[in-house]
Amino acid sequence: MEEKETIHINLLTELTGNLISEESEWEEEWTENDAYGMLLDGTDLAWYESAIREELNRYGEDDLMQYFPGSASIQEKVKSAVVTIENQEGILYGCTKLELKEFLNPEELKELGDYITGQYSDGWGEGFEQQDIQVEEGILNVHFWHSGMEQAKMQEETKTQNETQTEKSHPNKQRPKLRLLGHDGNIFSIMSDASILLKNNDQTAEAKEMCKRVRESGDYNKALCIISEYVETELSSPPKEKETKKGKKKNQPER
């Protein structure tokens, strides 16, 4: 009897992290913003993908099925459930890679999803979030589970991604506007609001680039100027008018 082809499924969940600065002159602002450092989302964490993946290799990309106590039908269908990370369009996700002998029915998929969520919060993930990942800016802790986390997105690994769904660049995009006057003066609050505006304007790559430059600037005023390059603020340079050469009409007398 011919053996069935193995099915590969990815369960993607939101990643968050906390970055604690060790020597930054902005350390006080970071700790005021969050008791455990600066809160990062999947877009921010994409900049640290290599460091996180390296820590995962050290910690162990465990097969969660070795701990699974649930339905026999799931144990029969699922060959492995390995935890890793996945970068999709500049956003880093927590990812459990399922290797299946056959598809799970909705009830089985829910049971397995609940088990994996439990492993993220109280089991495997609870241990991993306690690992201190050393990065250039300080210490990074990564959370595979957080309160209010959305349900896992399921994707077949073999499914081709539609690269034309979103434009990679938006050369004619108008900069979103951010009013600094009356805004919370915390630079990371301003950066966060600017990043949200850019993402909502389909400029995720620009948001990532801006945040990286702001973190590396080390100076409040310089950081404001960087933000004002990406979103329109009171500090932004006025747009340059296009120069057009007006040709003289034939037989038009000169003055």
C-alpha atoms as a PDB file:
ATOM      1  CA  MET A   1       0.000   0.000   0.000  1.00  0.00           C
ATOM      2  CA  GLU A   2       1.352   3.384  -0.990  1.00  0.00           C
ATOM      3  CA  GLU A   3       2.093   5.627   1.989  1.00  0.00           C
ATOM      4  CA  LYS A   4       0.140   8.891   2.127  1.00  0.00           C
ATOM      5  CA  GLU A   5       2.069  12.123   1.573  1.00  0.00           C
ATOM      6  CA  THR A   6       2.842  13.962   4.801  1.00  0.00           C
ATOM      7  CA  ILE A   7       0.886  17.185   5.323  1.00  0.00           C
ATOM      8  CA  HIS A   8       2.747  20.214   6.678  1.00  0.00           C
ATOM      9  CA  ILE A   9       0.758  22.912   8.494  1.00  0.00           C
ATOM     10  CA  ASN A  10       1.983  26.051  10.261  1.00  0.00           C
ATOM     11  CA  LEU A  11       0.104  27.445  13.253  1.00  0.00           C
ATOM     12  CA  LEU A  12       1.104  31.114  13.503  1.00  0.00           C
ATOM     13  CA  THR A  13       0.568  33.179  16.660  1.00  0.00           C
ATOM     14  CA  GLU A  14       1.496  36.723  17.640  1.00  0.00           C
ATOM     15  CA  LEU A  15       4.873  37.252  19.287  1.00  0.00           C
ATOM     16  CA  THR A  16       5.645  39.985  21.785  1.00  0.00           C
ATOM     17  CA  GLY A  17       8.818  40.884  23.640  1.00  0.00           C
ATOM     18  CA  ASN A  18      10.373  43.150  26.240  1.00  0.00           C
ATOM     19  CA  LEU A  19      13.648  44.932  25.635  1.00  0.00           C
ATOM     20  CA  ILE A  20      15.515  46.185  28.697  1.00  0.00           C
ATOM     21  CA  SER A  21      18.298  48.663  28.020  1.00  0.00           C
ATOM     22  CA  GLU A  22      21.453  48.209  30.089  1.00  0.00           C
ATOM     23  CA  GLU A  23      23.318  51.412  29.354  1.00  0.00           C
ATOM     24  CA  SER A  24      21.083  53.566  27.170  1.00  0.00           C
ATOM     25  CA  GLU A  25      20.562  57.187  28.166  1.00  0.00           C
ATOM     26  CA  TRP A  26      16.873  56.507  27.487  1.00  0.00           C
ATOM     27  CA  GLU A  27      16.706  53.736  30.093  1.00  0.00           C
ATOM     28  CA  GLU A  28      14.532  55.802  32.448  1.00  0.00           C
ATOM     29  CA  GLU A  29      12.015  56.470  29.672  1.00  0.00           C
ATOM     30  CA  TRP A  30      11.912  52.784  28.804  1.00  0.00           C
ATOM     31  CA  THR A  31      11.273  51.680  32.386  1.00  0.00           C
ATOM     32  CA  GLU A  32       8.634  54.386  32.831  1.00  0.00           C
ATOM     33  CA  ASN A  33       6.925  53.129  29.684  1.00  0.00           C
ATOM     34  CA  ASP A  34       6.821  49.532  30.917  1.00  0.00           C
ATOM     35  CA  ALA A  35       7.940  47.995  34.201  1.00  0.00           C
ATOM     36  CA  TYR A  36       9.756  45.272  32.308  1.00  0.00           C
ATOM     37  CA  GLY A  37      11.326  47.380  29.578  1.00  0.00           C
ATOM     38  CA  MET A  38      10.122  48.485  26.184  1.00  0.00           C
ATOM     39  CA  LEU A  39       7.258  46.414  24.758  1.00  0.00           C
ATOM     40  CA  LEU A  40       7.902  45.073  21.234  1.00  0.00           C
ATOM     41  CA  ASP A  41       5.524  43.547  18.693  1.00  0.00           C
ATOM     42  CA  GLY A  42       6.177  41.141  15.833  1.00  0.00           C
ATOM     43  CA  THR A  43       7.361  43.903  13.512  1.00  0.00           C
ATOM     44  CA  ASP A  44       9.907  45.111  16.078  1.00  0.00           C
ATOM     45  CA  LEU A  45      11.043  41.560  16.863  1.00  0.00           C
ATOM     46  CA  ALA A  46      11.809  40.895  13.198  1.00  0.00           C
ATOM     47  CA  TRP A  47      14.977  42.985  13.672  1.00  0.00           C
ATOM     48  CA  TYR A  48      16.154  40.431  16.238  1.00  0.00           C
ATOM     49  CA  GLU A  49      15.175  37.299  14.297  1.00  0.00           C
ATOM     50  CA  SER A  50      18.713  35.863  14.159  1.00  0.00           C
ATOM     51  CA  ALA A  51      19.293  36.292  17.910  1.00  0.00           C
ATOM     52  CA  ILE A  52      15.892  34.766  18.758  1.00  0.00           C
ATOM     53  CA  ARG A  53      16.430  31.834  16.395  1.00  0.00           C
ATOM     54  CA  GLU A  54      19.866  31.220  17.885  1.00  0.00           C
ATOM     55  CA  GLU A  55      18.356  31.155  21.392  1.00  0.00           C
ATOM     56  CA  LEU A  56      15.641  28.775  20.164  1.00  0.00           C
ATOM     57  CA  ASN A  57      18.345  26.413  18.914  1.00  0.00           C
ATOM     58  CA  ARG A  58      20.011  26.518  22.331  1.00  0.00           C
ATOM     59  CA  TYR A  59      16.769  26.142  24.251  1.00  0.00           C
ATOM     60  CA  GLY A  60      15.491  23.428  21.947  1.00  0.00           C
ATOM     61  CA  GLU A  61      12.771  23.541  19.272  1.00  0.00           C
ATOM     62  CA  ASP A  62      10.829  20.833  21.126  1.00  0.00           C
ATOM     63  CA  ASP A  63       8.276  18.488  19.627  1.00  0.00           C
ATOM     64  CA  LEU A  64       5.243  19.297  21.767  1.00  0.00           C
ATOM     65  CA  MET A  65       3.554  16.009  20.843  1.00  0.00           C
ATOM     66  CA  GLN A  66       5.843  14.142  23.229  1.00  0.00           C
ATOM     67  CA  TYR A  67       3.936  15.810  26.101  1.00  0.00           C
ATOM     68  CA  PHE A  68       0.430  15.611  24.548  1.00  0.00           C
ATOM     69  CA  PRO A  69      -2.034  13.799  26.845  1.00  0.00           C
ATOM     70  CA  GLY A  70      -5.172  14.261  24.716  1.00  0.00           C
ATOM     71  CA  SER A  71      -7.245  12.332  22.201  1.00  0.00           C
ATOM     72  CA  ALA A  72      -5.834   9.154  20.700  1.00  0.00           C
ATOM     73  CA  SER A  73      -7.109  10.212  17.262  1.00  0.00           C
ATOM     74  CA  ILE A  74      -4.913  13.334  17.384  1.00  0.00           C
ATOM     75  CA  GLN A  75      -1.899  11.327  18.497  1.00  0.00           C
ATOM     76  CA  GLU A  76      -2.513   9.014  15.569  1.00  0.00           C
ATOM     77  CA  LYS A  77      -2.794  11.818  13.004  1.00  0.00           C
ATOM     78  CA  VAL A  78      -0.061  14.194  14.213  1.00  0.00           C
ATOM     79  CA  LYS A  79       3.530  13.020  13.725  1.00  0.00           C
ATOM     80  CA  SER A  80       5.148  16.113  15.267  1.00  0.00           C
ATOM     81  CA  ALA A  81       4.467  19.665  16.493  1.00  0.00           C
ATOM     82  CA  VAL A  82       7.730  21.623  16.603  1.00  0.00           C
ATOM     83  CA  VAL A  83       7.914  25.176  17.948  1.00  0.00           C
ATOM     84  CA  THR A  84       9.932  27.762  16.030  1.00  0.00           C
ATOM     85  CA  ILE A  85       9.488  31.279  14.583  1.00  0.00           C
ATOM     86  CA  GLU A  86       8.391  32.453  11.150  1.00  0.00           C
ATOM     87  CA  ASN A  87       9.021  35.778   9.412  1.00  0.00           C
ATOM     88  CA  GLN A  88       6.224  36.781   7.066  1.00  0.00           C
ATOM     89  CA  GLU A  89       6.389  40.133   5.270  1.00  0.00           C
ATOM     90  CA  GLY A  90       8.591  41.641   7.966  1.00  0.00           C
ATOM     91  CA  ILE A  91       6.516  40.413  10.936  1.00  0.00           C
ATOM     92  CA  LEU A  92       7.902  37.735  13.254  1.00  0.00           C
ATOM     93  CA  TYR A  93       5.413  35.116  14.458  1.00  0.00           C
ATOM     94  CA  GLY A  94       5.529  32.237  16.883  1.00  0.00           C
ATOM     95  CA  CYS A  95       5.098  29.115  14.778  1.00  0.00           C
ATOM     96  CA  THR A  96       4.243  25.500  15.584  1.00  0.00           C
ATOM     97  CA  LYS A  97       5.045  23.350  12.569  1.00  0.00           C
ATOM     98  CA  LEU A  98       2.639  20.412  12.388  1.00  0.00           C
ATOM     99  CA  GLU A  99       3.522  17.276  10.463  1.00  0.00           C
ATOM    100  CA  LEU A 100       0.324  15.322   9.848  1.00  0.00           C
ATOM    101  CA  LYS A 101      -0.558  11.920   8.464  1.00  0.00           C
ATOM    102  CA  GLU A 102      -4.040  13.229   7.688  1.00  0.00           C
ATOM    103  CA  PHE A 103      -6.039  16.397   8.284  1.00  0.00           C
ATOM    104  CA  LEU A 104      -7.578  17.064  11.680  1.00  0.00           C
ATOM    105  CA  ASN A 105     -11.306  17.650  11.983  1.00  0.00           C
ATOM    106  CA  PRO A 106     -12.447  20.972  13.562  1.00  0.00           C
ATOM    107  CA  GLU A 107     -12.857  19.461  17.051  1.00  0.00           C
ATOM    108  CA  GLU A 108      -9.412  17.880  16.937  1.00  0.00           C
ATOM    109  CA  LEU A 109      -7.826  21.066  15.640  1.00  0.00           C
ATOM    110  CA  LYS A 110      -9.417  23.071  18.480  1.00  0.00           C
ATOM    111  CA  GLU A 111      -8.206  20.564  21.072  1.00  0.00           C
ATOM    112  CA  LEU A 112      -4.683  20.637  19.678  1.00  0.00           C
ATOM    113  CA  GLY A 113      -4.743  24.447  19.419  1.00  0.00           C
ATOM    114  CA  ASP A 114      -5.828  24.750  23.070  1.00  0.00           C
ATOM    115  CA  TYR A 115      -3.031  22.394  24.097  1.00  0.00           C
ATOM    116  CA  ILE A 116      -0.396  24.377  22.165  1.00  0.00           C
ATOM    117  CA  THR A 117      -1.678  27.647  23.674  1.00  0.00           C
ATOM    118  CA  GLY A 118      -1.345  26.043  27.096  1.00  0.00           C
ATOM    119  CA  GLN A 119       2.228  25.020  26.301  1.00  0.00           C
ATOM    120  CA  TYR A 120       2.995  28.591  25.252  1.00  0.00           C
ATOM    121  CA  SER A 121       1.604  30.041  28.516  1.00  0.00           C
ATOM    122  CA  ASP A 122       2.443  27.471  31.214  1.00  0.00           C
ATOM    123  CA  GLY A 123       4.823  24.954  29.711  1.00  0.00           C
ATOM    124  CA  TRP A 124       7.432  25.291  26.980  1.00  0.00           C
ATOM    125  CA  GLY A 125       6.803  28.997  26.401  1.00  0.00           C
ATOM    126  CA  GLU A 126       6.902  29.894  30.092  1.00  0.00           C
ATOM    127  CA  GLY A 127      10.447  28.555  30.234  1.00  0.00           C
ATOM    128  CA  PHE A 128      11.529  30.212  26.992  1.00  0.00           C
ATOM    129  CA  GLU A 129      10.326  33.701  27.975  1.00  0.00           C
ATOM    130  CA  GLN A 130      12.666  33.546  30.973  1.00  0.00           C
ATOM    131  CA  GLN A 131      15.679  33.199  28.693  1.00  0.00           C
ATOM    132  CA  ASP A 132      17.645  36.462  28.503  1.00  0.00           C
ATOM    133  CA  ILE A 133      18.615  37.058  24.885  1.00  0.00           C
ATOM    134  CA  GLN A 134      21.578  39.416  24.613  1.00  0.00           C
ATOM    135  CA  VAL A 135      21.194  41.929  21.776  1.00  0.00           C
ATOM    136  CA  GLU A 136      23.046  45.129  20.988  1.00  0.00           C
ATOM    137  CA  GLU A 137      20.482  47.336  22.733  1.00  0.00           C
ATOM    138  CA  GLY A 138      20.276  45.243  25.932  1.00  0.00           C
ATOM    139  CA  ILE A 139      18.374  42.183  27.131  1.00  0.00           C
ATOM    140  CA  LEU A 140      15.449  40.775  25.147  1.00  0.00           C
ATOM    141  CA  ASN A 141      12.760  38.406  26.467  1.00  0.00           C
ATOM    142  CA  VAL A 142      10.308  36.886  23.983  1.00  0.00           C
ATOM    143  CA  HIS A 143       6.752  35.788  24.778  1.00  0.00           C
ATOM    144  CA  PHE A 144       4.952  33.159  22.696  1.00  0.00           C
ATOM    145  CA  TRP A 145       1.828  33.811  24.788  1.00  0.00           C
ATOM    146  CA  HIS A 146       0.253  37.041  26.009  1.00  0.00           C
ATOM    147  CA  SER A 147      -3.192  38.006  27.274  1.00  0.00           C
ATOM    148  CA  GLY A 148      -5.687  38.763  24.524  1.00  0.00           C
ATOM    149  CA  MET A 149      -3.686  36.746  21.982  1.00  0.00           C
ATOM    150  CA  GLU A 150      -5.628  36.066  18.803  1.00  0.00           C
ATOM    151  CA  GLN A 151      -6.411  32.565  17.606  1.00  0.00           C
ATOM    152  CA  ALA A 152      -3.617  30.849  15.702  1.00  0.00           C
ATOM    153  CA  LYS A 153      -3.574  31.344  11.935  1.00  0.00           C
ATOM    154  CA  MET A 154      -3.347  28.067  10.062  1.00  0.00           C
ATOM    155  CA  GLN A 155      -1.377  27.862   6.834  1.00  0.00           C
ATOM    156  CA  GLU A 156      -0.290  24.984   4.651  1.00  0.00           C
ATOM    157  CA  GLU A 157       3.474  25.190   4.220  1.00  0.00           C
ATOM    158  CA  THR A 158       3.212  24.129   0.603  1.00  0.00           C
ATOM    159  CA  LYS A 159       0.745  26.904  -0.268  1.00  0.00           C
ATOM    160  CA  THR A 160       2.321  29.502  -2.539  1.00  0.00           C
ATOM    161  CA  GLN A 161       2.307  33.021  -1.122  1.00  0.00           C
ATOM    162  CA  ASN A 162       0.828  35.678  -3.397  1.00  0.00           C
ATOM    163  CA  GLU A 163       3.667  38.192  -3.610  1.00  0.00           C
ATOM    164  CA  THR A 164       1.585  40.589  -5.651  1.00  0.00           C
ATOM    165  CA  GLN A 165      -1.096  40.935  -2.970  1.00  0.00           C
ATOM    166  CA  THR A 166       0.658  43.927  -1.412  1.00  0.00           C
ATOM    167  CA  GLU A 167       2.990  46.378  -3.074  1.00  0.00           C
ATOM    168  CA  LYS A 168       6.519  46.244  -1.681  1.00  0.00           C
ATOM    169  CA  SER A 169       7.042  49.948  -2.147  1.00  0.00           C
ATOM    170  CA  HIS A 170       4.737  52.933  -2.295  1.00  0.00           C
ATOM    171  CA  PRO A 171       6.669  55.640  -4.123  1.00  0.00           C
ATOM    172  CA  ASN A 172       3.620  57.877  -4.473  1.00  0.00           C
ATOM    173  CA  LYS A 173       2.317  57.400  -0.925  1.00  0.00           C
ATOM    174  CA  GLN A 174       1.533  60.618   0.895  1.00  0.00           C
ATOM    175  CA  ARG A 175       3.077  60.781   4.353  1.00  0.00           C
ATOM    176  CA  PRO A 176       0.564  60.393   7.198  1.00  0.00           C
ATOM    177  CA  LYS A 177       0.328  63.360   9.558  1.00  0.00           C
ATOM    178  CA  LEU A 178       1.284  63.296  13.250  1.00  0.00           C
ATOM    179  CA  ARG A 179       0.749  66.360  15.437  1.00  0.00           C
ATOM    180  CA  LEU A 180       3.548  66.795  17.991  1.00  0.00           C
ATOM    181  CA  LEU A 181       2.008  69.774  19.748  1.00  0.00           C
ATOM    182  CA  GLY A 182       0.121  68.476  22.793  1.00  0.00           C
ATOM    183  CA  HIS A 183       1.491  64.933  22.288  1.00  0.00           C
ATOM    184  CA  ASP A 184       3.032  62.875  25.083  1.00  0.00           C
ATOM    185  CA  GLY A 185       6.683  63.932  24.987  1.00  0.00           C
ATOM    186  CA  ASN A 186       8.020  60.407  25.544  1.00  0.00           C
ATOM    187  CA  ILE A 187      10.038  59.630  22.406  1.00  0.00           C
ATOM    188  CA  PHE A 188       8.926  55.994  22.369  1.00  0.00           C
ATOM    189  CA  SER A 189       5.272  57.013  22.582  1.00  0.00           C
ATOM    190  CA  ILE A 190       5.798  59.328  19.583  1.00  0.00           C
ATOM    191  CA  MET A 191       7.710  56.615  17.708  1.00  0.00           C
ATOM    192  CA  SER A 192       4.965  54.072  18.442  1.00  0.00           C
ATOM    193  CA  ASP A 193       2.193  56.371  17.176  1.00  0.00           C
ATOM    194  CA  ALA A 194       4.208  57.183  14.047  1.00  0.00           C
ATOM    195  CA  SER A 195       4.825  53.487  13.446  1.00  0.00           C
ATOM    196  CA  ILE A 196       1.095  52.714  13.718  1.00  0.00           C
ATOM    197  CA  LEU A 197       0.282  55.499  11.239  1.00  0.00           C
ATOM    198  CA  LEU A 198       2.811  54.129   8.751  1.00  0.00           C
ATOM    199  CA  LYS A 199       1.557  50.542   9.089  1.00  0.00           C
ATOM    200  CA  ASN A 200      -2.024  51.705   8.583  1.00  0.00           C
ATOM    201  CA  ASN A 201      -0.764  53.471   5.450  1.00  0.00           C
ATOM    202  CA  ASP A 202       0.665  50.180   4.115  1.00  0.00           C
ATOM    203  CA  GLN A 203       4.221  51.307   4.874  1.00  0.00           C
ATOM    204  CA  THR A 204       5.381  48.539   7.215  1.00  0.00           C
ATOM    205  CA  ALA A 205       8.916  48.533   5.821  1.00  0.00           C
ATOM    206  CA  GLU A 206       9.202  52.280   6.397  1.00  0.00           C
ATOM    207  CA  ALA A 207       7.903  51.842   9.967  1.00  0.00           C
ATOM    208  CA  LYS A 208      10.590  49.234  10.691  1.00  0.00           C
ATOM    209  CA  GLU A 209      13.317  51.392   9.177  1.00  0.00           C
ATOM    210  CA  MET A 210      12.181  54.449  11.153  1.00  0.00           C
ATOM    211  CA  CYS A 211      12.099  52.575  14.483  1.00  0.00           C
ATOM    212  CA  LYS A 212      15.575  51.158  13.896  1.00  0.00           C
ATOM    213  CA  ARG A 213      17.014  54.594  13.124  1.00  0.00           C
ATOM    214  CA  VAL A 214      15.310  56.170  16.142  1.00  0.00           C
ATOM    215  CA  ARG A 215      16.683  53.527  18.517  1.00  0.00           C
ATOM    216  CA  GLU A 216      20.169  53.979  17.113  1.00  0.00           C
ATOM    217  CA  SER A 217      20.075  57.799  17.196  1.00  0.00           C
ATOM    218  CA  GLY A 218      20.728  58.180  20.947  1.00  0.00           C
ATOM    219  CA  ASP A 219      19.493  61.787  20.931  1.00  0.00           C
ATOM    220  CA  TYR A 220      15.968  63.078  21.549  1.00  0.00           C
ATOM    221  CA  ASN A 221      16.018  65.919  18.999  1.00  0.00           C
ATOM    222  CA  LYS A 222      17.690  63.779  16.363  1.00  0.00           C
ATOM    223  CA  ALA A 223      15.062  61.095  16.960  1.00  0.00           C
ATOM    224  CA  LEU A 224      12.257  63.628  16.433  1.00  0.00           C
ATOM    225  CA  CYS A 225      13.835  64.736  13.151  1.00  0.00           C
ATOM    226  CA  ILE A 226      14.069  61.104  11.983  1.00  0.00           C
ATOM    227  CA  ILE A 227      10.398  60.508  12.784  1.00  0.00           C
ATOM    228  CA  SER A 228       9.538  63.693  10.904  1.00  0.00           C
ATOM    229  CA  GLU A 229      11.163  62.264   7.766  1.00  0.00           C
ATOM    230  CA  TYR A 230       8.615  59.426   7.693  1.00  0.00           C
ATOM    231  CA  VAL A 231       5.458  61.143   8.958  1.00  0.00           C
ATOM    232  CA  GLU A 232       4.490  64.756   8.481  1.00  0.00           C
ATOM    233  CA  THR A 233       4.962  66.738  11.708  1.00  0.00           C
ATOM    234  CA  GLU A 234       5.542  70.382  12.623  1.00  0.00           C
ATOM    235  CA  LEU A 235       9.274  69.636  12.174  1.00  0.00           C
ATOM    236  CA  SER A 236       8.960  68.162   8.683  1.00  0.00           C
ATOM    237  CA  SER A 237      10.458  70.020   5.760  1.00  0.00           C
ATOM    238  CA  PRO A 238       7.811  71.424   3.425  1.00  0.00           C
ATOM    239  CA  PRO A 239       7.412  69.375   0.229  1.00  0.00           C
ATOM    240  CA  LYS A 240       9.502  70.632  -2.634  1.00  0.00           C
ATOM    241  CA  GLU A 241       7.583  72.006  -5.570  1.00  0.00           C
ATOM    242  CA  LYS A 242       8.370  70.369  -8.842  1.00  0.00           C
ATOM    243  CA  GLU A 243      10.270  72.655 -11.137  1.00  0.00           C
ATOM    244  CA  THR A 244       8.818  72.843 -14.605  1.00  0.00           C
ATOM    245  CA  LYS A 245      10.508  74.426 -17.542  1.00  0.00           C
ATOM    246  CA  LYS A 246       8.125  76.569 -19.481  1.00  0.00           C
ATOM    247  CA  GLY A 247       8.976  76.608 -23.125  1.00  0.00           C
ATOM    248  CA  LYS A 248       8.448  79.816 -25.080  1.00  0.00           C
ATOM    249  CA  LYS A 249       5.650  79.804 -27.555  1.00  0.00           C
ATOM    250  CA  LYS A 250       6.610  80.368 -31.128  1.00  0.00           C
ATOM    251  CA  ASN A 251       6.479  83.933 -32.305  1.00  0.00           C
ATOM    252  CA  GLN A 252       5.985  85.101 -28.691  1.00  0.00           C
ATOM    253  CA  PRO A 253       7.738  88.423 -28.236  1.00  0.00           C
ATOM    254  CA  GLU A 254      10.347  88.698 -25.515  1.00  0.00           C
ATOM    255  CA  ARG A 255       9.960  91.329 -22.805  1.00  0.00           C
END
